[in-house]
Every structure is written in C-alpha cells, then in structure tokens.
C-alpha cells in the first residue's frame, strides 16, 4: 500500500485551514480514511473538522484494541456504521458538554473503510466532496448548502443513518482518492501567463495520474507543479487522501 496526503489552506482563507483528514488502521487489513471540510459560514469552522478527525482517530484505536483482544473481526460495512454511530453520539455529547452552538460543529465528512486484503471499500459522504476509484470520478455537490451531520445530532441515529443515500461500494480497488471540494477552486494568483490546464485536467492529475507515485510527497509535488507551471492555486482549502493498493 502507498498512501499520499495533503491538506493546504486556500488563498481566500487568511487564518485557518478549515479542512482536516484522518487515516487510521483498525486492523492489519482494515484502514479508515476520511476527509472533512468545516463550514465557512459556521463559527471557527476549523474546530469542527479537526474535532471530527480526533474523534475518528480515538474510536479507530478503540475498535482495533477490542478486535485484537477478542480475536474477532467484522466486515467493512459493520465498521463503517459503527464508526459513524460513535461519531454521531460523541459529537452530540461534546456539543452538549461544551454548550456549543450548532454553527460550531458543522463539517462535511467523507468516511470510508478499506479492506486491503479483499481490495474492497465502503464509503459514505455526508455533505459534498469528490471520490475517485480506479480512475472513475464520483462527485457530490449540494449547492453550497451541505446537509451537515451537525444539523442532526438531536435526532435518532438509526432513522438518520437509514436516510443517507450518498453511499458507494467498490471491489477490486487499486487506486482510491477522497477529496474536499477545494479541488474545484484552482485560480490564477498573479495575472501572469502560464501553460493552460483545465479544471478536469487538474482533477485527473491529482487523483488519477501516477507521476511521482514512488514519492510519498506526490500530492505536494503536483500542487507545486500546478502553481509553478500553470499559475494556479486553490482558492478554497484543499484536502486529499489517496491510497494505492498493492497489486
């Protein structure tokens, strides 16, 4: 397995990168991958995305310890549902304990569980973002009004979860990427002339192209090439996690 990650602040944001991500092992063969994008219209929106990443990291470790102690292992659909339920409950509890407003816990979430042995993945998207599996792109766009998890923390989890339709399942996974919607926001930053690259070519370069795949800094190098060669930088925060599964 090769893993590549990048999270960078957009040109339109001055103080904080409102994105976050979390990549954690549940077992030797199960990997949790997630990306989050805090609501720019919320309060201290970097807090919500970071909080979610910390909760997911904690819960993955706990599940891993439990499975090791009990010598049991579940399927990836079960892990995905368990993690989302734990996040749902933890986020609601923390919101109440800290007396947070709803606007302080708003973040999109793409959460996935990857089985490295079976090469299968289960993904749920809460809000918007981009998923690319084996060169095929899947975009979720909610018209700048994502249906954030934070809106539903007072609801019954089972009823809420059954309504989630932004679900994907893939088999024979060779190359998987999760990205926040900052990938659509590359813009010129200095009005000079550079070599042209289209929005679609940028997405394919970052999520599909294999240039520099031997380098763990592949995504950072590609972002720098787009800046230096094409004169473009993301105006919104951008976070990408890309995993290439060994053949």
C-alpha atoms as a PDB file:
ATOM      1  CA  UNK A   1       0.000   0.000   0.000  1.00  0.00           C
ATOM      2  CA  UNK A   2       1.118   3.518  -0.810  1.00  0.00           C
ATOM      3  CA  UNK A   3      -0.533   6.433   0.937  1.00  0.00           C
ATOM      4  CA  UNK A   4      -0.437  10.113  -0.069  1.00  0.00           C
ATOM      5  CA  UNK A   5      -1.945  13.012   1.868  1.00  0.00           C
ATOM      6  CA  UNK A   6      -2.165  16.772   1.560  1.00  0.00           C
ATOM      7  CA  UNK A   7      -4.165  19.463   3.349  1.00  0.00           C
ATOM      8  CA  UNK A   8      -3.496  23.052   2.348  1.00  0.00           C
ATOM      9  CA  UNK A   9      -5.111  26.383   3.102  1.00  0.00           C
ATOM     10  CA  UNK A  10      -6.801  28.159   0.205  1.00  0.00           C
ATOM     11  CA  UNK A  11      -5.829  31.632  -0.979  1.00  0.00           C
ATOM     12  CA  UNK A  12      -9.181  33.058   0.140  1.00  0.00           C
ATOM     13  CA  UNK A  13      -8.610  31.976   3.758  1.00  0.00           C
ATOM     14  CA  UNK A  14      -6.235  34.003   5.905  1.00  0.00           C
ATOM     15  CA  UNK A  15      -6.167  32.402   9.351  1.00  0.00           C
ATOM     16  CA  UNK A  16      -7.033  28.718   9.294  1.00  0.00           C
ATOM     17  CA  UNK A  17      -7.245  25.699   7.040  1.00  0.00           C
ATOM     18  CA  UNK A  18     -10.839  24.622   7.664  1.00  0.00           C
ATOM     19  CA  UNK A  19     -10.240  21.134   6.237  1.00  0.00           C
ATOM     20  CA  UNK A  20      -8.937  18.111   8.063  1.00  0.00           C
ATOM     21  CA  UNK A  21      -8.380  14.393   7.461  1.00  0.00           C
ATOM     22  CA  UNK A  22      -7.849  11.197   9.388  1.00  0.00           C
ATOM     23  CA  UNK A  23      -6.256   7.938   8.256  1.00  0.00           C
ATOM     24  CA  UNK A  24      -6.096   5.150  10.833  1.00  0.00           C
ATOM     25  CA  UNK A  25      -5.641   1.393  10.924  1.00  0.00           C
ATOM     26  CA  UNK A  26      -8.404  -0.633  12.512  1.00  0.00           C
ATOM     27  CA  UNK A  27      -6.524  -3.885  11.955  1.00  0.00           C
ATOM     28  CA  UNK A  28      -3.672  -5.082   9.773  1.00  0.00           C
ATOM     29  CA  UNK A  29      -6.037  -5.301   6.817  1.00  0.00           C
ATOM     30  CA  UNK A  30      -8.631  -2.593   7.561  1.00  0.00           C
ATOM     31  CA  UNK A  31      -7.950   1.094   7.026  1.00  0.00           C
ATOM     32  CA  UNK A  32     -10.204   4.040   7.855  1.00  0.00           C
ATOM     33  CA  UNK A  33      -9.832   7.014   5.502  1.00  0.00           C
ATOM     34  CA  UNK A  34     -11.719  10.279   5.933  1.00  0.00           C
ATOM     35  CA  UNK A  35     -11.650  13.921   4.822  1.00  0.00           C
ATOM     36  CA  UNK A  36     -13.563  16.803   6.374  1.00  0.00           C
ATOM     37  CA  UNK A  37     -14.385  20.368   5.330  1.00  0.00           C
ATOM     38  CA  UNK A  38     -15.556  22.790   8.006  1.00  0.00           C
ATOM     39  CA  UNK A  39     -18.421  25.107   7.126  1.00  0.00           C
ATOM     40  CA  UNK A  40     -17.039  28.513   6.126  1.00  0.00           C
ATOM     41  CA  UNK A  41     -20.267  30.159   7.291  1.00  0.00           C
ATOM     42  CA  UNK A  42     -20.009  28.499  10.695  1.00  0.00           C
ATOM     43  CA  UNK A  43     -18.087  29.652  13.754  1.00  0.00           C
ATOM     44  CA  UNK A  44     -14.392  28.721  13.978  1.00  0.00           C
ATOM     45  CA  UNK A  45     -15.092  26.131  11.304  1.00  0.00           C
ATOM     46  CA  UNK A  46     -11.618  24.602  11.541  1.00  0.00           C
ATOM     47  CA  UNK A  47     -12.625  23.399  15.012  1.00  0.00           C
ATOM     48  CA  UNK A  48     -15.434  21.126  13.786  1.00  0.00           C
ATOM     49  CA  UNK A  49     -13.390  19.352  11.119  1.00  0.00           C
ATOM     50  CA  UNK A  50     -10.438  18.887  13.477  1.00  0.00           C
ATOM     51  CA  UNK A  51     -12.685  17.629  16.272  1.00  0.00           C
ATOM     52  CA  UNK A  52     -14.216  15.028  13.960  1.00  0.00           C
ATOM     53  CA  UNK A  53     -10.746  13.825  12.910  1.00  0.00           C
ATOM     54  CA  UNK A  54      -9.716  13.409  16.561  1.00  0.00           C
ATOM     55  CA  UNK A  55     -12.890  11.501  17.444  1.00  0.00           C
ATOM     56  CA  UNK A  56     -12.413   9.129  14.499  1.00  0.00           C
ATOM     57  CA  UNK A  57      -8.775   8.513  15.428  1.00  0.00           C
ATOM     58  CA  UNK A  58      -9.740   7.675  19.015  1.00  0.00           C
ATOM     59  CA  UNK A  59     -12.565   5.366  18.002  1.00  0.00           C
ATOM     60  CA  UNK A  60     -10.444   3.509  15.423  1.00  0.00           C
ATOM     61  CA  UNK A  61      -7.842   2.787  18.084  1.00  0.00           C
ATOM     62  CA  UNK A  62     -10.503   1.547  20.489  1.00  0.00           C
ATOM     63  CA  UNK A  63     -12.067  -0.724  17.874  1.00  0.00           C
ATOM     64  CA  UNK A  64      -8.638  -2.061  16.959  1.00  0.00           C
ATOM     65  CA  UNK A  65      -7.773  -2.854  20.591  1.00  0.00           C
ATOM     66  CA  UNK A  66     -11.141  -4.550  21.079  1.00  0.00           C
ATOM     67  CA  UNK A  67     -10.845  -6.674  17.957  1.00  0.00           C
ATOM     68  CA  UNK A  68      -7.316  -7.722  18.897  1.00  0.00           C
ATOM     69  CA  UNK A  69      -8.355  -8.673  22.436  1.00  0.00           C
ATOM     70  CA  UNK A  70     -11.463 -10.552  21.326  1.00  0.00           C
ATOM     71  CA  UNK A  71      -9.788 -12.104  18.266  1.00  0.00           C
ATOM     72  CA  UNK A  72     -12.758 -11.059  16.155  1.00  0.00           C
ATOM     73  CA  UNK A  73     -13.140  -9.031  13.005  1.00  0.00           C
ATOM     74  CA  UNK A  74     -16.193  -7.522  11.323  1.00  0.00           C
ATOM     75  CA  UNK A  75     -16.968  -6.662   7.725  1.00  0.00           C
ATOM     76  CA  UNK A  76     -16.276  -3.181   6.427  1.00  0.00           C
ATOM     77  CA  UNK A  77     -19.970  -2.235   6.298  1.00  0.00           C
ATOM     78  CA  UNK A  78     -20.278  -3.001  10.008  1.00  0.00           C
ATOM     79  CA  UNK A  79     -17.170  -0.988  10.843  1.00  0.00           C
ATOM     80  CA  UNK A  80     -18.423   1.965   8.822  1.00  0.00           C
ATOM     81  CA  UNK A  81     -21.785   2.020  10.546  1.00  0.00           C
ATOM     82  CA  UNK A  82     -20.207   1.583  14.000  1.00  0.00           C
ATOM     83  CA  UNK A  83     -17.793   4.466  13.444  1.00  0.00           C
ATOM     84  CA  UNK A  84     -20.477   6.821  12.204  1.00  0.00           C
ATOM     85  CA  UNK A  85     -22.732   5.965  15.140  1.00  0.00           C
ATOM     86  CA  UNK A  86     -19.901   6.563  17.601  1.00  0.00           C
ATOM     87  CA  UNK A  87     -19.050   9.860  15.917  1.00  0.00           C
ATOM     88  CA  UNK A  88     -22.726  10.882  15.944  1.00  0.00           C
ATOM     89  CA  UNK A  89     -23.006  10.176  19.670  1.00  0.00           C
ATOM     90  CA  UNK A  90     -19.616  11.643  20.614  1.00  0.00           C
ATOM     91  CA  UNK A  91     -20.190  14.839  18.668  1.00  0.00           C
ATOM     92  CA  UNK A  92     -23.615  15.288  20.240  1.00  0.00           C
ATOM     93  CA  UNK A  93     -22.249  14.677  23.735  1.00  0.00           C
ATOM     94  CA  UNK A  94     -19.326  17.095  23.280  1.00  0.00           C
ATOM     95  CA  UNK A  95     -21.660  19.736  21.847  1.00  0.00           C
ATOM     96  CA  UNK A  96     -23.817  19.490  24.961  1.00  0.00           C
ATOM     97  CA  UNK A  97     -20.929  19.330  27.429  1.00  0.00           C
ATOM     98  CA  UNK A  98     -19.232  22.416  25.967  1.00  0.00           C
ATOM     99  CA  UNK A  99     -22.541  24.176  25.311  1.00  0.00           C
ATOM    100  CA  UNK A 100     -21.610  24.627  21.672  1.00  0.00           C
ATOM    101  CA  UNK A 101     -23.889  26.158  19.099  1.00  0.00           C
ATOM    102  CA  UNK A 102     -24.852  24.143  16.036  1.00  0.00           C
ATOM    103  CA  UNK A 103     -22.749  26.520  13.891  1.00  0.00           C
ATOM    104  CA  UNK A 104     -19.663  25.369  15.822  1.00  0.00           C
ATOM    105  CA  UNK A 105     -19.944  21.685  14.858  1.00  0.00           C
ATOM    106  CA  UNK A 106     -20.619  21.912  11.120  1.00  0.00           C
ATOM    107  CA  UNK A 107     -18.336  19.985   8.782  1.00  0.00           C
ATOM    108  CA  UNK A 108     -18.712  17.780   5.743  1.00  0.00           C
ATOM    109  CA  UNK A 109     -17.406  14.231   6.017  1.00  0.00           C
ATOM    110  CA  UNK A 110     -16.348  11.546   3.577  1.00  0.00           C
ATOM    111  CA  UNK A 111     -15.740   8.407   5.626  1.00  0.00           C
ATOM    112  CA  UNK A 112     -14.544   5.092   4.239  1.00  0.00           C
ATOM    113  CA  UNK A 113     -13.317   1.683   5.359  1.00  0.00           C
ATOM    114  CA  UNK A 114     -10.854  -0.045   3.031  1.00  0.00           C
ATOM    115  CA  UNK A 115     -10.176  -3.785   3.190  1.00  0.00           C
ATOM    116  CA  UNK A 116      -6.614  -4.078   1.921  1.00  0.00           C
ATOM    117  CA  UNK A 117      -6.729  -7.869   1.566  1.00  0.00           C
ATOM    118  CA  UNK A 118     -10.054  -8.151  -0.253  1.00  0.00           C
ATOM    119  CA  UNK A 119      -9.475  -4.799  -2.025  1.00  0.00           C
ATOM    120  CA  UNK A 120     -12.976  -3.615  -1.188  1.00  0.00           C
ATOM    121  CA  UNK A 121     -14.149  -0.277   0.183  1.00  0.00           C
ATOM    122  CA  UNK A 122     -17.320   1.158   1.713  1.00  0.00           C
ATOM    123  CA  UNK A 123     -17.826   4.924   1.597  1.00  0.00           C
ATOM    124  CA  UNK A 124     -20.418   7.357   2.922  1.00  0.00           C
ATOM    125  CA  UNK A 125     -20.439  11.063   2.088  1.00  0.00           C
ATOM    126  CA  UNK A 126     -22.181  13.499   4.408  1.00  0.00           C
ATOM    127  CA  UNK A 127     -22.238  16.795   2.556  1.00  0.00           C
ATOM    128  CA  UNK A 128     -20.158  17.280  -0.574  1.00  0.00           C
ATOM    129  CA  UNK A 129     -16.796  16.219  -1.962  1.00  0.00           C
ATOM    130  CA  UNK A 130     -15.112  14.040  -4.579  1.00  0.00           C
ATOM    131  CA  UNK A 131     -14.267  10.340  -4.680  1.00  0.00           C
ATOM    132  CA  UNK A 132     -12.142   8.693  -7.344  1.00  0.00           C
ATOM    133  CA  UNK A 133     -11.823   4.907  -7.547  1.00  0.00           C
ATOM    134  CA  UNK A 134      -9.693   3.263 -10.238  1.00  0.00           C
ATOM    135  CA  UNK A 135      -9.869   6.369 -12.400  1.00  0.00           C
ATOM    136  CA  UNK A 136     -13.653   6.853 -12.157  1.00  0.00           C
ATOM    137  CA  UNK A 137     -14.808  10.102 -10.557  1.00  0.00           C
ATOM    138  CA  UNK A 138     -17.837  10.468  -8.288  1.00  0.00           C
ATOM    139  CA  UNK A 139     -18.831  13.986  -7.226  1.00  0.00           C
ATOM    140  CA  UNK A 140     -21.336  15.016  -4.570  1.00  0.00           C
ATOM    141  CA  UNK A 141     -22.491  18.609  -4.872  1.00  0.00           C
ATOM    142  CA  UNK A 142     -25.154  20.069  -2.607  1.00  0.00           C
ATOM    143  CA  UNK A 143     -25.291  23.594  -3.992  1.00  0.00           C
ATOM    144  CA  UNK A 144     -23.171  25.241  -1.273  1.00  0.00           C
ATOM    145  CA  UNK A 145     -25.704  24.039   1.308  1.00  0.00           C
ATOM    146  CA  UNK A 146     -24.323  20.708   2.574  1.00  0.00           C
ATOM    147  CA  UNK A 147     -26.563  18.677   4.860  1.00  0.00           C
ATOM    148  CA  UNK A 148     -24.042  18.649   7.703  1.00  0.00           C
ATOM    149  CA  UNK A 149     -24.023  15.934  10.353  1.00  0.00           C
ATOM    150  CA  UNK A 150     -24.130  18.684  12.967  1.00  0.00           C
ATOM    151  CA  UNK A 151     -27.694  19.570  11.952  1.00  0.00           C
ATOM    152  CA  UNK A 152     -28.973  16.162  13.066  1.00  0.00           C
ATOM    153  CA  UNK A 153     -27.320  15.445  16.428  1.00  0.00           C
ATOM    154  CA  UNK A 154     -30.636  15.604  18.304  1.00  0.00           C
ATOM    155  CA  UNK A 155     -32.247  13.027  16.032  1.00  0.00           C
ATOM    156  CA  UNK A 156     -32.428   9.253  16.347  1.00  0.00           C
ATOM    157  CA  UNK A 157     -29.255   7.846  14.807  1.00  0.00           C
ATOM    158  CA  UNK A 158     -30.844   4.801  13.189  1.00  0.00           C
ATOM    159  CA  UNK A 159     -33.524   6.859  11.468  1.00  0.00           C
ATOM    160  CA  UNK A 160     -30.977   9.437  10.295  1.00  0.00           C
ATOM    161  CA  UNK A 161     -28.497   6.834   9.035  1.00  0.00           C
ATOM    162  CA  UNK A 162     -31.117   4.979   7.004  1.00  0.00           C
ATOM    163  CA  UNK A 163     -31.757   8.206   5.071  1.00  0.00           C
ATOM    164  CA  UNK A 164     -28.141   8.515   3.930  1.00  0.00           C
ATOM    165  CA  UNK A 165     -28.120   7.829   0.188  1.00  0.00           C
ATOM    166  CA  UNK A 166     -24.631   9.062  -0.672  1.00  0.00           C
ATOM    167  CA  UNK A 167     -23.129   5.607  -0.289  1.00  0.00           C
ATOM    168  CA  UNK A 168     -20.618   3.843  -2.520  1.00  0.00           C
ATOM    169  CA  UNK A 169     -19.171   0.315  -2.532  1.00  0.00           C
ATOM    170  CA  UNK A 170     -16.251  -0.753  -4.713  1.00  0.00           C
ATOM    171  CA  UNK A 171     -14.472  -4.036  -5.305  1.00  0.00           C
ATOM    172  CA  UNK A 172     -11.070  -4.684  -6.870  1.00  0.00           C
ATOM    173  CA  UNK A 173      -9.833  -1.349  -5.530  1.00  0.00           C
ATOM    174  CA  UNK A 174      -6.438  -0.408  -6.922  1.00  0.00           C
ATOM    175  CA  UNK A 175      -6.403   3.372  -6.505  1.00  0.00           C
ATOM    176  CA  UNK A 176      -8.762   5.336  -4.253  1.00  0.00           C
ATOM    177  CA  UNK A 177      -8.873   9.081  -3.533  1.00  0.00           C
ATOM    178  CA  UNK A 178     -11.064  11.168  -1.245  1.00  0.00           C
ATOM    179  CA  UNK A 179     -11.056  14.955  -1.707  1.00  0.00           C
ATOM    180  CA  UNK A 180     -12.806  18.008  -0.354  1.00  0.00           C
ATOM    181  CA  UNK A 181     -14.422  20.339  -2.881  1.00  0.00           C
ATOM    182  CA  UNK A 182     -11.420  22.668  -2.836  1.00  0.00           C
ATOM    183  CA  UNK A 183     -10.195  20.646  -5.800  1.00  0.00           C
ATOM    184  CA  UNK A 184     -12.619  22.672  -7.965  1.00  0.00           C
ATOM    185  CA  UNK A 185     -11.281  26.078  -6.900  1.00  0.00           C
ATOM    186  CA  UNK A 186      -7.881  26.459  -8.600  1.00  0.00           C
ATOM    187  CA  UNK A 187      -7.418  30.054  -9.795  1.00  0.00           C
ATOM    188  CA  UNK A 188      -4.680  32.274 -11.136  1.00  0.00           C
ATOM    189  CA  UNK A 189      -2.928  34.246  -8.402  1.00  0.00           C
ATOM    190  CA  UNK A 190      -0.675  36.736 -10.205  1.00  0.00           C
ATOM    191  CA  UNK A 191      -2.227  37.522 -13.650  1.00  0.00           C
ATOM    192  CA  UNK A 192       0.871  36.283 -15.488  1.00  0.00           C
ATOM    193  CA  UNK A 193       0.725  33.919 -18.478  1.00  0.00           C
ATOM    194  CA  UNK A 194       1.298  30.222 -17.873  1.00  0.00           C
ATOM    195  CA  UNK A 195       0.703  26.934 -19.653  1.00  0.00           C
ATOM    196  CA  UNK A 196      -3.038  26.237 -19.735  1.00  0.00           C
ATOM    197  CA  UNK A 197      -4.566  23.377 -17.758  1.00  0.00           C
ATOM    198  CA  UNK A 198      -8.313  22.751 -17.472  1.00  0.00           C
ATOM    199  CA  UNK A 199     -10.228  22.029 -14.262  1.00  0.00           C
ATOM    200  CA  UNK A 200     -10.758  18.447 -15.423  1.00  0.00           C
ATOM    201  CA  UNK A 201      -7.054  18.009 -16.145  1.00  0.00           C
ATOM    202  CA  UNK A 202      -6.214  19.244 -12.642  1.00  0.00           C
ATOM    203  CA  UNK A 203      -8.549  16.702 -11.076  1.00  0.00           C
ATOM    204  CA  UNK A 204      -7.144  13.884 -13.204  1.00  0.00           C
ATOM    205  CA  UNK A 205      -3.554  14.971 -12.475  1.00  0.00           C
ATOM    206  CA  UNK A 206      -4.148  14.862  -8.719  1.00  0.00           C
ATOM    207  CA  UNK A 207      -6.468  11.856  -8.400  1.00  0.00           C
ATOM    208  CA  UNK A 208      -5.614   9.588 -11.342  1.00  0.00           C
ATOM    209  CA  UNK A 209      -2.191  10.367 -12.823  1.00  0.00           C
ATOM    210  CA  UNK A 210       0.733   8.324 -11.451  1.00  0.00           C
ATOM    211  CA  UNK A 211       3.537  10.857 -11.830  1.00  0.00           C
ATOM    212  CA  UNK A 212       5.864  10.735  -8.778  1.00  0.00           C
ATOM    213  CA  UNK A 213       3.970   7.792  -7.300  1.00  0.00           C
ATOM    214  CA  UNK A 214       7.216   6.486  -5.798  1.00  0.00           C
ATOM    215  CA  UNK A 215       7.436   9.652  -3.674  1.00  0.00           C
ATOM    216  CA  UNK A 216       5.272   9.923  -0.552  1.00  0.00           C
ATOM    217  CA  UNK A 217       5.113  13.681  -1.220  1.00  0.00           C
ATOM    218  CA  UNK A 218       3.480  13.068  -4.608  1.00  0.00           C
ATOM    219  CA  UNK A 219       0.449  15.291  -3.989  1.00  0.00           C
ATOM    220  CA  UNK A 220       2.509  18.175  -2.642  1.00  0.00           C
ATOM    221  CA  UNK A 221       4.802  17.995  -5.674  1.00  0.00           C
ATOM    222  CA  UNK A 222       1.791  18.037  -8.002  1.00  0.00           C
ATOM    223  CA  UNK A 223       0.244  21.040  -6.240  1.00  0.00           C
ATOM    224  CA  UNK A 224       3.568  22.875  -6.617  1.00  0.00           C
ATOM    225  CA  UNK A 225       3.795  21.954 -10.304  1.00  0.00           C
ATOM    226  CA  UNK A 226       0.300  23.319 -10.942  1.00  0.00           C
ATOM    227  CA  UNK A 227       1.335  26.537  -9.207  1.00  0.00           C
ATOM    228  CA  UNK A 228       4.691  26.947 -10.951  1.00  0.00           C
ATOM    229  CA  UNK A 229       3.811  25.589 -14.409  1.00  0.00           C
ATOM    230  CA  UNK A 230       0.152  26.605 -14.707  1.00  0.00           C
ATOM    231  CA  UNK A 231      -0.029  29.598 -12.360  1.00  0.00           C
ATOM    232  CA  UNK A 232      -2.918  28.219 -10.321  1.00  0.00           C
ATOM    233  CA  UNK A 233      -3.526  27.707  -6.609  1.00  0.00           C
ATOM    234  CA  UNK A 234      -6.660  26.513  -4.797  1.00  0.00           C
ATOM    235  CA  UNK A 235      -8.701  29.460  -3.557  1.00  0.00           C
ATOM    236  CA  UNK A 236     -10.545  27.241  -1.068  1.00  0.00           C
ATOM    237  CA  UNK A 237      -8.903  24.829   1.356  1.00  0.00           C
ATOM    238  CA  UNK A 238      -7.992  21.524  -0.277  1.00  0.00           C
ATOM    239  CA  UNK A 239      -7.519  18.143   1.356  1.00  0.00           C
ATOM    240  CA  UNK A 240      -6.814  14.897  -0.499  1.00  0.00           C
ATOM    241  CA  UNK A 241      -6.049  11.396   0.728  1.00  0.00           C
ATOM    242  CA  UNK A 242      -5.045   8.942  -1.988  1.00  0.00           C
ATOM    243  CA  UNK A 243      -4.240   5.266  -1.434  1.00  0.00           C
ATOM    244  CA  UNK A 244      -2.797   2.876  -3.998  1.00  0.00           C
ATOM    245  CA  UNK A 245      -3.389  -0.742  -3.020  1.00  0.00           C
ATOM    246  CA  UNK A 246      -0.602  -3.164  -3.867  1.00  0.00           C
ATOM    247  CA  UNK A 247      -1.293  -5.465  -6.811  1.00  0.00           C
END
